Amino acid sequence: SFKGDESMFEVTKTSDQSITNDVITLITWDSAYINVGSDFDLSNDKYVCPSAGKYVFSWGINLTAGASSKFEGGGFYFYKNDSHDIAGGNTQELSNLNNDTRSNPLRGMYFSKSVIVDCSTSDYFTLKGYFLHADAGSNTGLMSEYYTSWYGYKLTD
């Protein structure tokens, strides 16, 4: 049966986060809209499973290059215990979300994904992202505070 009353969270951003071209960057979270069980650690930008079971995670990230026709691609990685192979056995496709727009550069893109993961007690999760700027180099983009959130909850034991 549903166990969300044991552990559930939704975190958001209250300001934009700068992200450097072609650098995988930890997504920071500074506001917990919901944090049942206090299992989301805002100071370390990670969720820690309080007990073993199946958990649902879903996120939506608004990524922008800040100028028209400068966003050439981007993506996000969902990490379990510092590995994006969340289910073992080369399963990165379950946790990755990438898009290449080099043939038609945009201003930005919204990414969303949901997964169900088996967790052991003290497993922890983070999200990281990257983007590709049309002018390359050290140009930066933004993970926008608007429409960017991450939530999760315990589904069952």
N, C-alpha and C. Protein backbone atom coordinates (compact mmCIF):
# COMPACT_ATOMS: atom_id res chain seq x y z
N SER A 1 0.83 -1.19 0.00
CA SER A 1 0.00 0.00 0.00
C SER A 1 0.87 1.26 0.00
N PHE A 2 0.29 2.36 -0.41
CA PHE A 2 0.98 3.64 -0.51
C PHE A 2 1.63 4.03 0.81
N LYS A 3 2.88 4.46 0.75
CA LYS A 3 3.64 4.80 1.95
C LYS A 3 4.08 6.26 1.97
N GLY A 4 3.45 7.09 1.15
CA GLY A 4 3.84 8.50 1.08
C GLY A 4 3.74 9.23 2.39
N ASP A 5 2.91 8.73 3.32
CA ASP A 5 2.82 9.38 4.62
C ASP A 5 4.07 9.13 5.45
N GLU A 6 4.95 8.19 5.02
CA GLU A 6 6.21 7.94 5.70
C GLU A 6 7.32 8.83 5.19
N SER A 7 7.35 9.04 3.87
CA SER A 7 8.40 9.87 3.27
C SER A 7 7.90 10.42 1.94
N MET A 8 7.91 11.74 1.82
CA MET A 8 7.46 12.41 0.61
C MET A 8 8.10 13.81 0.58
N PHE A 9 8.47 14.26 -0.62
CA PHE A 9 9.05 15.60 -0.72
C PHE A 9 8.71 16.23 -2.06
N GLU A 10 8.75 17.55 -2.08
CA GLU A 10 8.76 18.33 -3.31
C GLU A 10 9.65 19.53 -3.05
N VAL A 11 10.68 19.68 -3.87
CA VAL A 11 11.61 20.80 -3.72
C VAL A 11 11.59 21.66 -4.98
N THR A 12 11.90 22.93 -4.80
CA THR A 12 11.89 23.89 -5.89
C THR A 12 13.09 24.82 -5.75
N LYS A 13 13.20 25.73 -6.72
CA LYS A 13 14.22 26.76 -6.69
C LYS A 13 13.53 28.11 -6.49
N THR A 14 14.17 29.00 -5.76
CA THR A 14 13.62 30.36 -5.60
C THR A 14 14.43 31.38 -6.39
N SER A 15 15.47 30.89 -7.07
CA SER A 15 16.23 31.77 -7.96
C SER A 15 16.87 30.91 -9.05
N ASP A 16 17.27 31.56 -10.13
CA ASP A 16 17.92 30.84 -11.23
C ASP A 16 19.29 30.33 -10.79
N GLN A 17 19.70 29.22 -11.39
CA GLN A 17 21.03 28.67 -11.14
C GLN A 17 21.83 28.72 -12.43
N SER A 18 22.99 29.34 -12.38
CA SER A 18 23.86 29.42 -13.55
C SER A 18 24.49 28.06 -13.82
N ILE A 19 24.62 27.73 -15.10
CA ILE A 19 25.25 26.46 -15.50
C ILE A 19 26.18 26.75 -16.67
N THR A 20 27.42 26.30 -16.57
CA THR A 20 28.44 26.57 -17.59
C THR A 20 28.30 25.59 -18.75
N ASN A 21 28.53 26.08 -19.94
CA ASN A 21 28.48 25.27 -21.16
C ASN A 21 29.25 23.97 -21.00
N ASP A 22 28.61 22.85 -21.33
CA ASP A 22 29.22 21.51 -21.40
C ASP A 22 29.88 21.05 -20.10
N VAL A 23 29.30 21.44 -18.96
CA VAL A 23 29.78 21.00 -17.65
C VAL A 23 28.61 20.38 -16.90
N ILE A 24 28.74 19.13 -16.49
CA ILE A 24 27.69 18.48 -15.70
C ILE A 24 27.70 19.12 -14.32
N THR A 25 26.54 19.66 -13.92
CA THR A 25 26.42 20.49 -12.73
C THR A 25 25.34 19.97 -11.80
N LEU A 26 25.64 19.89 -10.51
CA LEU A 26 24.66 19.50 -9.51
C LEU A 26 23.55 20.55 -9.46
N ILE A 27 22.31 20.10 -9.52
CA ILE A 27 21.18 21.03 -9.40
C ILE A 27 20.96 21.30 -7.92
N THR A 28 20.90 22.57 -7.58
CA THR A 28 20.69 22.97 -6.19
C THR A 28 19.22 23.27 -5.95
N TRP A 29 18.79 23.00 -4.75
CA TRP A 29 17.39 23.20 -4.34
C TRP A 29 17.40 24.01 -3.07
N ASP A 30 16.54 25.02 -2.98
CA ASP A 30 16.57 25.87 -1.80
C ASP A 30 15.23 26.03 -1.10
N SER A 31 14.23 25.31 -1.57
CA SER A 31 12.93 25.42 -0.92
C SER A 31 12.22 24.07 -0.95
N ALA A 32 11.81 23.61 0.22
CA ALA A 32 11.04 22.36 0.31
C ALA A 32 9.58 22.71 0.52
N TYR A 33 8.80 22.51 -0.51
CA TYR A 33 7.37 22.75 -0.42
C TYR A 33 6.72 21.69 0.48
N ILE A 34 7.18 20.45 0.35
CA ILE A 34 6.75 19.33 1.18
C ILE A 34 8.01 18.58 1.57
N ASN A 35 8.11 18.14 2.83
CA ASN A 35 9.24 17.32 3.25
C ASN A 35 8.82 16.42 4.41
N VAL A 36 7.86 15.51 4.13
CA VAL A 36 7.36 14.57 5.13
C VAL A 36 8.50 13.63 5.51
N GLY A 37 8.82 13.55 6.78
CA GLY A 37 9.92 12.72 7.26
C GLY A 37 11.25 13.45 7.26
N SER A 38 11.31 14.66 6.72
CA SER A 38 12.55 15.45 6.64
C SER A 38 13.68 14.68 5.97
N ASP A 39 13.35 13.92 4.92
CA ASP A 39 14.34 13.08 4.25
C ASP A 39 15.05 13.79 3.10
N PHE A 40 14.55 14.95 2.69
CA PHE A 40 15.28 15.72 1.69
C PHE A 40 16.22 16.66 2.42
N ASP A 41 17.50 16.58 2.09
CA ASP A 41 18.55 17.37 2.72
C ASP A 41 18.85 18.57 1.82
N LEU A 42 18.24 19.71 2.12
CA LEU A 42 18.46 20.92 1.31
C LEU A 42 19.91 21.40 1.36
N SER A 43 20.59 21.18 2.45
CA SER A 43 21.97 21.66 2.55
C SER A 43 22.92 20.89 1.63
N ASN A 44 22.54 19.67 1.23
CA ASN A 44 23.37 18.86 0.33
C ASN A 44 22.65 18.51 -0.97
N ASP A 45 21.47 19.07 -1.19
CA ASP A 45 20.72 18.91 -2.44
C ASP A 45 20.46 17.45 -2.79
N LYS A 46 20.10 16.65 -1.77
CA LYS A 46 19.85 15.24 -2.03
C LYS A 46 18.72 14.70 -1.16
N TYR A 47 18.13 13.63 -1.67
CA TYR A 47 17.10 12.89 -0.94
C TYR A 47 17.73 11.61 -0.42
N VAL A 48 17.48 11.29 0.85
CA VAL A 48 18.00 10.07 1.47
C VAL A 48 16.83 9.17 1.85
N CYS A 49 16.84 7.94 1.33
CA CYS A 49 15.76 6.99 1.62
C CYS A 49 15.81 6.57 3.09
N PRO A 50 14.70 6.73 3.81
CA PRO A 50 14.70 6.37 5.23
C PRO A 50 14.55 4.87 5.47
N SER A 51 14.02 4.15 4.47
CA SER A 51 13.81 2.70 4.62
C SER A 51 13.74 2.06 3.24
N ALA A 52 13.95 0.76 3.21
CA ALA A 52 13.93 0.03 1.95
C ALA A 52 12.52 0.02 1.36
N GLY A 53 12.45 0.00 0.02
CA GLY A 53 11.17 -0.08 -0.66
C GLY A 53 11.26 0.45 -2.07
N LYS A 54 10.12 0.58 -2.70
CA LYS A 54 10.04 1.18 -4.04
C LYS A 54 9.63 2.64 -3.87
N TYR A 55 10.34 3.51 -4.60
CA TYR A 55 10.10 4.94 -4.52
C TYR A 55 9.82 5.49 -5.91
N VAL A 56 8.96 6.49 -5.97
CA VAL A 56 8.66 7.20 -7.21
C VAL A 56 9.36 8.55 -7.15
N PHE A 57 10.05 8.90 -8.24
CA PHE A 57 10.68 10.22 -8.36
C PHE A 57 10.27 10.83 -9.69
N SER A 58 10.04 12.13 -9.68
CA SER A 58 9.68 12.84 -10.90
C SER A 58 10.27 14.23 -10.83
N TRP A 59 10.74 14.73 -11.96
CA TRP A 59 11.31 16.07 -11.98
C TRP A 59 10.98 16.78 -13.28
N GLY A 60 10.98 18.08 -13.20
CA GLY A 60 10.82 18.94 -14.36
C GLY A 60 11.81 20.08 -14.24
N ILE A 61 12.60 20.29 -15.27
CA ILE A 61 13.66 21.29 -15.24
C ILE A 61 13.51 22.21 -16.44
N ASN A 62 13.50 23.51 -16.21
CA ASN A 62 13.45 24.50 -17.26
C ASN A 62 14.87 25.03 -17.48
N LEU A 63 15.45 24.70 -18.63
CA LEU A 63 16.84 25.05 -18.93
C LEU A 63 16.86 26.02 -20.10
N THR A 64 17.58 27.12 -19.95
CA THR A 64 17.62 28.13 -21.00
C THR A 64 19.04 28.64 -21.24
N ALA A 65 19.31 29.00 -22.48
CA ALA A 65 20.60 29.60 -22.84
C ALA A 65 20.58 31.10 -22.60
N GLY A 66 19.42 31.67 -22.35
CA GLY A 66 19.33 33.09 -22.06
C GLY A 66 19.20 33.98 -23.28
N ALA A 67 19.33 33.43 -24.47
CA ALA A 67 19.19 34.21 -25.70
C ALA A 67 18.65 33.32 -26.80
N SER A 68 17.91 33.88 -27.70
CA SER A 68 17.32 33.11 -28.79
C SER A 68 18.40 32.42 -29.62
N SER A 69 18.10 31.22 -30.06
CA SER A 69 18.95 30.42 -30.96
C SER A 69 20.34 30.12 -30.39
N LYS A 70 20.46 30.04 -29.08
CA LYS A 70 21.76 29.73 -28.46
C LYS A 70 21.77 28.37 -27.76
N PHE A 71 20.59 27.80 -27.50
CA PHE A 71 20.50 26.50 -26.82
C PHE A 71 20.61 25.39 -27.87
N GLU A 72 21.71 24.62 -27.80
CA GLU A 72 21.93 23.55 -28.78
C GLU A 72 21.72 22.16 -28.20
N GLY A 73 21.43 22.08 -26.94
CA GLY A 73 21.19 20.78 -26.34
C GLY A 73 21.37 20.83 -24.85
N GLY A 74 20.92 19.78 -24.21
CA GLY A 74 21.06 19.70 -22.77
C GLY A 74 20.51 18.38 -22.28
N GLY A 75 20.65 18.18 -21.00
CA GLY A 75 20.14 16.95 -20.44
C GLY A 75 20.32 16.90 -18.94
N PHE A 76 19.77 15.83 -18.38
CA PHE A 76 19.79 15.65 -16.94
C PHE A 76 20.09 14.21 -16.60
N TYR A 77 20.77 14.04 -15.49
CA TYR A 77 21.12 12.73 -14.99
C TYR A 77 20.59 12.60 -13.57
N PHE A 78 19.93 11.49 -13.31
CA PHE A 78 19.42 11.16 -11.98
C PHE A 78 20.41 10.19 -11.36
N TYR A 79 21.01 10.57 -10.23
CA TYR A 79 22.05 9.78 -9.60
C TYR A 79 21.54 9.09 -8.35
N LYS A 80 21.91 7.82 -8.21
CA LYS A 80 21.67 7.04 -6.99
C LYS A 80 23.04 6.70 -6.43
N ASN A 81 23.32 7.17 -5.23
CA ASN A 81 24.61 6.92 -4.58
C ASN A 81 25.78 7.30 -5.50
N ASP A 82 25.68 8.46 -6.14
CA ASP A 82 26.71 9.01 -7.03
C ASP A 82 26.91 8.23 -8.33
N SER A 83 25.95 7.39 -8.71
CA SER A 83 26.01 6.67 -9.98
C SER A 83 24.71 6.91 -10.72
N HIS A 84 24.78 7.16 -12.04
CA HIS A 84 23.52 7.32 -12.76
C HIS A 84 23.04 6.00 -13.36
N ASP A 85 23.64 4.88 -12.93
CA ASP A 85 23.16 3.55 -13.26
C ASP A 85 22.24 3.13 -12.10
N ILE A 86 21.02 3.67 -12.07
CA ILE A 86 20.17 3.60 -10.89
C ILE A 86 19.61 2.22 -10.57
N ALA A 87 19.59 1.31 -11.55
CA ALA A 87 19.01 -0.02 -11.29
C ALA A 87 20.04 -1.13 -11.44
N GLY A 88 21.31 -0.78 -11.72
CA GLY A 88 22.34 -1.79 -11.91
C GLY A 88 22.26 -2.41 -13.29
N GLY A 89 23.38 -2.91 -13.76
CA GLY A 89 23.37 -3.61 -15.05
C GLY A 89 23.27 -2.70 -16.26
N ASN A 90 23.93 -1.55 -16.23
CA ASN A 90 23.97 -0.64 -17.38
C ASN A 90 22.58 -0.11 -17.74
N THR A 91 21.91 0.49 -16.78
CA THR A 91 20.54 0.99 -16.98
C THR A 91 20.48 2.51 -16.99
N GLN A 92 21.52 3.17 -17.47
CA GLN A 92 21.56 4.63 -17.48
C GLN A 92 20.39 5.23 -18.23
N GLU A 93 19.87 4.54 -19.24
CA GLU A 93 18.76 5.11 -20.01
C GLU A 93 17.53 5.34 -19.15
N LEU A 94 17.41 4.65 -18.03
CA LEU A 94 16.28 4.88 -17.13
C LEU A 94 16.38 6.23 -16.42
N SER A 95 17.60 6.74 -16.30
CA SER A 95 17.78 7.93 -15.49
C SER A 95 18.28 9.14 -16.28
N ASN A 96 18.57 8.97 -17.55
CA ASN A 96 19.07 10.07 -18.37
C ASN A 96 17.95 10.68 -19.19
N LEU A 97 18.09 11.95 -19.47
CA LEU A 97 17.16 12.64 -20.35
C LEU A 97 17.97 13.68 -21.11
N ASN A 98 18.14 13.50 -22.42
CA ASN A 98 18.99 14.36 -23.23
C ASN A 98 18.27 14.79 -24.49
N ASN A 99 18.65 15.96 -25.00
CA ASN A 99 18.07 16.43 -26.24
C ASN A 99 19.12 17.26 -27.00
N ASP A 100 19.25 16.95 -28.28
CA ASP A 100 20.22 17.64 -29.14
C ASP A 100 19.44 18.50 -30.13
N THR A 101 19.62 19.82 -30.06
CA THR A 101 18.92 20.74 -30.96
C THR A 101 19.88 21.52 -31.84
N ARG A 102 21.09 20.98 -32.07
CA ARG A 102 22.09 21.69 -32.85
C ARG A 102 21.61 22.03 -34.26
N SER A 103 20.75 21.20 -34.83
CA SER A 103 20.26 21.49 -36.18
C SER A 103 19.22 22.60 -36.18
N ASN A 104 18.69 22.94 -35.00
CA ASN A 104 17.69 23.99 -34.88
C ASN A 104 17.77 24.60 -33.49
N PRO A 105 18.81 25.41 -33.20
CA PRO A 105 18.99 25.95 -31.85
C PRO A 105 17.78 26.73 -31.34
N LEU A 106 17.52 26.59 -30.06
CA LEU A 106 16.38 27.21 -29.40
C LEU A 106 16.86 28.21 -28.35
N ARG A 107 15.91 28.82 -27.65
CA ARG A 107 16.24 29.66 -26.49
C ARG A 107 16.39 28.78 -25.25
N GLY A 108 15.61 27.72 -25.17
CA GLY A 108 15.66 26.84 -24.01
C GLY A 108 14.73 25.66 -24.20
N MET A 109 14.64 24.84 -23.16
CA MET A 109 13.82 23.64 -23.25
C MET A 109 13.40 23.20 -21.85
N TYR A 110 12.23 22.60 -21.78
CA TYR A 110 11.73 22.02 -20.53
C TYR A 110 11.90 20.51 -20.61
N PHE A 111 12.48 19.93 -19.56
CA PHE A 111 12.70 18.49 -19.48
C PHE A 111 11.90 17.93 -18.31
N SER A 112 11.29 16.76 -18.50
CA SER A 112 10.61 16.10 -17.38
C SER A 112 10.74 14.59 -17.52
N LYS A 113 10.74 13.92 -16.38
CA LYS A 113 10.90 12.47 -16.36
C LYS A 113 10.42 11.94 -15.02
N SER A 114 9.96 10.69 -15.03
CA SER A 114 9.57 9.99 -13.81
C SER A 114 10.17 8.59 -13.82
N VAL A 115 10.54 8.10 -12.66
CA VAL A 115 11.08 6.75 -12.52
C VAL A 115 10.58 6.12 -11.23
N ILE A 116 10.55 4.80 -11.20
CA ILE A 116 10.30 4.02 -9.98
C ILE A 116 11.58 3.25 -9.70
N VAL A 117 12.09 3.36 -8.48
CA VAL A 117 13.40 2.81 -8.14
C VAL A 117 13.31 1.97 -6.87
N ASP A 118 14.00 0.83 -6.87
CA ASP A 118 14.18 0.06 -5.64
C ASP A 118 15.25 0.75 -4.80
N CYS A 119 14.95 0.96 -3.53
CA CYS A 119 15.88 1.66 -2.64
C CYS A 119 16.17 0.81 -1.41
N SER A 120 17.39 0.94 -0.94
CA SER A 120 17.79 0.40 0.36
C SER A 120 17.86 1.57 1.33
N THR A 121 17.81 1.28 2.61
CA THR A 121 17.94 2.31 3.62
C THR A 121 19.25 3.08 3.39
N SER A 122 19.18 4.38 3.42
CA SER A 122 20.31 5.32 3.26
C SER A 122 20.78 5.51 1.82
N ASP A 123 20.15 4.87 0.83
CA ASP A 123 20.44 5.25 -0.56
C ASP A 123 20.12 6.73 -0.71
N TYR A 124 20.88 7.44 -1.53
CA TYR A 124 20.60 8.86 -1.72
C TYR A 124 20.59 9.20 -3.20
N PHE A 125 19.86 10.26 -3.52
CA PHE A 125 19.61 10.66 -4.91
C PHE A 125 19.89 12.13 -5.11
N THR A 126 20.47 12.46 -6.26
CA THR A 126 20.70 13.84 -6.67
C THR A 126 20.37 13.96 -8.16
N LEU A 127 20.20 15.17 -8.61
CA LEU A 127 20.01 15.46 -10.03
C LEU A 127 21.13 16.37 -10.51
N LYS A 128 21.65 16.08 -11.71
CA LYS A 128 22.67 16.91 -12.32
C LYS A 128 22.23 17.22 -13.74
N GLY A 129 22.69 18.35 -14.26
CA GLY A 129 22.31 18.75 -15.61
C GLY A 129 23.47 19.38 -16.36
N TYR A 130 23.28 19.50 -17.67
CA TYR A 130 24.26 20.18 -18.52
C TYR A 130 23.53 20.84 -19.67
N PHE A 131 24.20 21.75 -20.36
CA PHE A 131 23.64 22.32 -21.58
C PHE A 131 24.77 22.67 -22.54
N LEU A 132 24.41 22.78 -23.81
CA LEU A 132 25.36 23.13 -24.85
C LEU A 132 24.96 24.47 -25.45
N HIS A 133 25.85 25.44 -25.39
CA HIS A 133 25.62 26.79 -25.89
C HIS A 133 26.15 26.90 -27.31
N ALA A 134 25.43 27.57 -28.18
CA ALA A 134 25.82 27.71 -29.59
C ALA A 134 27.19 28.36 -29.75
N ASP A 135 27.56 29.23 -28.83
CA ASP A 135 28.86 29.91 -28.93
C ASP A 135 29.96 29.19 -28.15
N ALA A 136 29.62 28.03 -27.55
CA ALA A 136 30.57 27.18 -26.82
C ALA A 136 31.33 27.96 -25.76
N GLY A 137 32.59 27.64 -25.57
CA GLY A 137 33.42 28.33 -24.59
C GLY A 137 32.84 28.26 -23.20
N SER A 138 33.02 29.33 -22.44
CA SER A 138 32.56 29.37 -21.05
C SER A 138 31.21 30.07 -20.91
N ASN A 139 30.46 30.14 -21.99
CA ASN A 139 29.12 30.74 -21.91
C ASN A 139 28.27 29.98 -20.91
N THR A 140 27.34 30.70 -20.30
CA THR A 140 26.50 30.07 -19.29
C THR A 140 25.04 30.10 -19.71
N GLY A 141 24.31 29.18 -19.12
CA GLY A 141 22.86 29.14 -19.25
C GLY A 141 22.26 29.15 -17.86
N LEU A 142 20.95 28.93 -17.80
CA LEU A 142 20.26 28.96 -16.51
C LEU A 142 19.35 27.77 -16.33
N MET A 143 19.36 27.22 -15.12
CA MET A 143 18.29 26.33 -14.69
C MET A 143 17.33 27.27 -13.98
N SER A 144 16.22 27.51 -14.60
CA SER A 144 15.30 28.56 -14.16
C SER A 144 14.56 28.17 -12.89
N GLU A 145 14.31 29.17 -12.06
CA GLU A 145 13.47 28.94 -10.88
C GLU A 145 12.03 28.63 -11.28
N TYR A 146 11.63 29.07 -12.47
CA TYR A 146 10.26 28.85 -12.91
C TYR A 146 10.11 27.47 -13.53
N TYR A 147 9.11 26.76 -13.12
CA TYR A 147 8.77 25.43 -13.65
C TYR A 147 9.84 24.38 -13.37
N THR A 148 10.68 24.59 -12.38
CA THR A 148 11.70 23.63 -12.02
C THR A 148 11.38 23.07 -10.64
N SER A 149 11.18 21.76 -10.58
CA SER A 149 10.89 21.11 -9.31
C SER A 149 11.24 19.63 -9.38
N TRP A 150 11.30 19.02 -8.21
CA TRP A 150 11.60 17.59 -8.09
C TRP A 150 10.77 17.06 -6.94
N TYR A 151 10.08 15.95 -7.16
CA TYR A 151 9.35 15.35 -6.06
C TYR A 151 9.55 13.85 -6.03
N GLY A 152 9.27 13.27 -4.86
CA GLY A 152 9.38 11.84 -4.71
C GLY A 152 8.61 11.38 -3.49
N TYR A 153 8.33 10.08 -3.47
CA TYR A 153 7.65 9.51 -2.31
C TYR A 153 7.84 8.00 -2.30
N LYS A 154 7.68 7.43 -1.11
CA LYS A 154 7.75 5.99 -0.96
C LYS A 154 6.43 5.41 -1.46
N LEU A 155 6.54 4.46 -2.37
CA LEU A 155 5.35 3.84 -2.96
C LEU A 155 4.92 2.62 -2.15
N THR A 156 5.88 1.74 -1.87
CA THR A 156 5.57 0.51 -1.16
C THR A 156 6.86 -0.08 -0.55
N ASP A 157 6.69 -1.00 0.39
CA ASP A 157 7.85 -1.68 0.99
C ASP A 157 8.49 -2.63 0.01
